[in-house]
Amino acid sequence: MKVWAKVMRGDKILRDIIYEEELSLSDEDYQRLLQELAYRLDIAAPVSLPFHLRHFEKFNRVKYLARDFIEEVDFDNFVIERVIEDKKTKLFLR
């Protein structure tokens, strides 16, 4: 699975990464993905509830707001989007 993770303030991307790893969408793998993305972006990991995973599965995108973090953060949201590559046209889709 390839994901694009962004730390944002308003509409401005403060930090972002593209991360790829072979994972299923089990709760355990999703939590591990979330921890790894937070580590690489040097932010605290958000509190993730079951509806976050369901939203990611359904829409290929999930947004964590500042209130989803236990620690105080200096950004507005943390967004994770699945990147789907179209092999024929080499386009990246969400």
Protein backbone atom coordinates (compact mmCIF):
# COMPACT_ATOMS: atom_id res chain seq x y z
CA MET A 1 0.00 0.00 0.00
CA LYS A 2 1.29 3.46 -0.88
CA VAL A 3 0.08 6.46 1.12
CA TRP A 4 0.68 10.19 1.09
CA ALA A 5 0.74 11.66 4.59
CA LYS A 6 0.51 15.43 5.12
CA VAL A 7 0.78 17.68 8.14
CA MET A 8 -1.20 20.84 7.40
CA ARG A 9 -1.99 24.26 8.80
CA GLY A 10 -4.99 25.66 6.98
CA ASP A 11 -4.44 24.86 3.29
CA LYS A 12 -0.65 24.85 3.57
CA ILE A 13 1.31 21.59 3.69
CA LEU A 14 3.95 21.89 6.41
CA ARG A 15 5.47 18.42 5.98
CA ASP A 16 4.60 15.45 3.82
CA ILE A 17 5.89 12.04 2.79
CA ILE A 18 5.02 9.23 0.41
CA TYR A 19 5.30 5.91 2.25
CA GLU A 20 4.97 2.43 0.80
CA GLU A 21 4.76 -0.89 2.62
CA GLU A 22 2.95 -4.18 2.10
CA LEU A 23 0.10 -3.95 4.60
CA SER A 24 -3.45 -5.15 4.87
CA LEU A 25 -6.14 -2.93 6.28
CA SER A 26 -6.42 -4.79 9.54
CA ASP A 27 -6.64 -2.72 12.70
CA GLU A 28 -3.18 -3.85 13.77
CA ASP A 29 -1.54 -2.96 10.43
CA TYR A 30 -3.34 0.39 10.31
CA GLN A 31 -2.10 1.27 13.79
CA ARG A 32 1.43 0.28 12.78
CA LEU A 33 1.15 2.44 9.64
CA LEU A 34 -0.07 5.38 11.71
CA GLN A 35 2.81 5.02 14.17
CA GLU A 36 5.37 4.82 11.37
CA LEU A 37 3.98 7.89 9.56
CA ALA A 38 3.92 9.90 12.78
CA TYR A 39 7.51 8.89 13.53
CA ARG A 40 8.75 9.83 10.05
CA LEU A 41 6.94 13.17 10.15
CA ASP A 42 8.20 13.83 13.69
CA ILE A 43 4.75 14.30 15.21
CA ALA A 44 2.86 12.58 18.00
CA ALA A 45 0.61 9.74 16.87
CA PRO A 46 -3.07 10.65 16.95
CA VAL A 47 -5.69 8.73 18.86
CA SER A 48 -7.27 6.52 16.23
CA LEU A 49 -10.80 5.19 16.67
CA PRO A 50 -12.50 2.45 14.65
CA PHE A 51 -14.36 5.00 12.52
CA HIS A 52 -11.01 6.42 11.30
CA LEU A 53 -10.07 3.04 9.80
CA ARG A 54 -13.56 2.57 8.33
CA HIS A 55 -13.37 6.04 6.74
CA PHE A 56 -9.94 5.22 5.28
CA GLU A 57 -11.22 1.91 3.88
CA LYS A 58 -14.29 3.54 2.31
CA PHE A 59 -12.85 6.83 1.00
CA ASN A 60 -9.07 6.10 0.80
CA ARG A 61 -8.52 9.21 2.92
CA VAL A 62 -8.67 10.09 6.60
CA LYS A 63 -8.11 13.37 8.39
CA TYR A 64 -7.04 13.71 12.01
CA LEU A 65 -7.75 17.09 13.58
CA ALA A 66 -5.62 18.73 16.27
CA ARG A 67 -8.16 17.57 18.86
CA ASP A 68 -7.39 13.92 17.92
CA PHE A 69 -3.94 14.26 19.52
CA ILE A 70 -3.31 13.93 23.24
CA GLU A 71 -0.36 16.30 23.06
CA GLU A 72 -0.72 19.88 21.91
CA VAL A 73 0.27 20.18 18.24
CA ASP A 74 1.30 23.14 16.09
CA PHE A 75 -0.77 22.19 13.05
CA ASP A 76 -4.47 21.96 12.15
CA ASN A 77 -4.70 18.47 10.70
CA PHE A 78 -2.88 15.32 9.68
CA VAL A 79 -4.17 13.73 6.46
CA ILE A 80 -3.46 10.26 5.12
CA GLU A 81 -4.44 9.43 1.54
CA ARG A 82 -3.99 6.16 -0.29
CA VAL A 83 -2.13 6.56 -3.58
CA ILE A 84 -3.35 4.27 -6.34
CA GLU A 85 -1.17 4.15 -9.41
CA ASP A 86 -2.83 3.47 -12.76
CA LYS A 87 -0.31 1.20 -14.50
CA LYS A 88 -1.51 2.10 -18.02
CA THR A 89 -1.36 5.88 -17.79
CA LYS A 90 1.02 6.30 -14.83
CA LEU A 91 -1.46 8.60 -13.16
CA PHE A 92 -1.78 8.76 -9.42
CA LEU A 93 -5.34 8.58 -8.18
CA ARG A 94 -6.92 8.84 -4.77
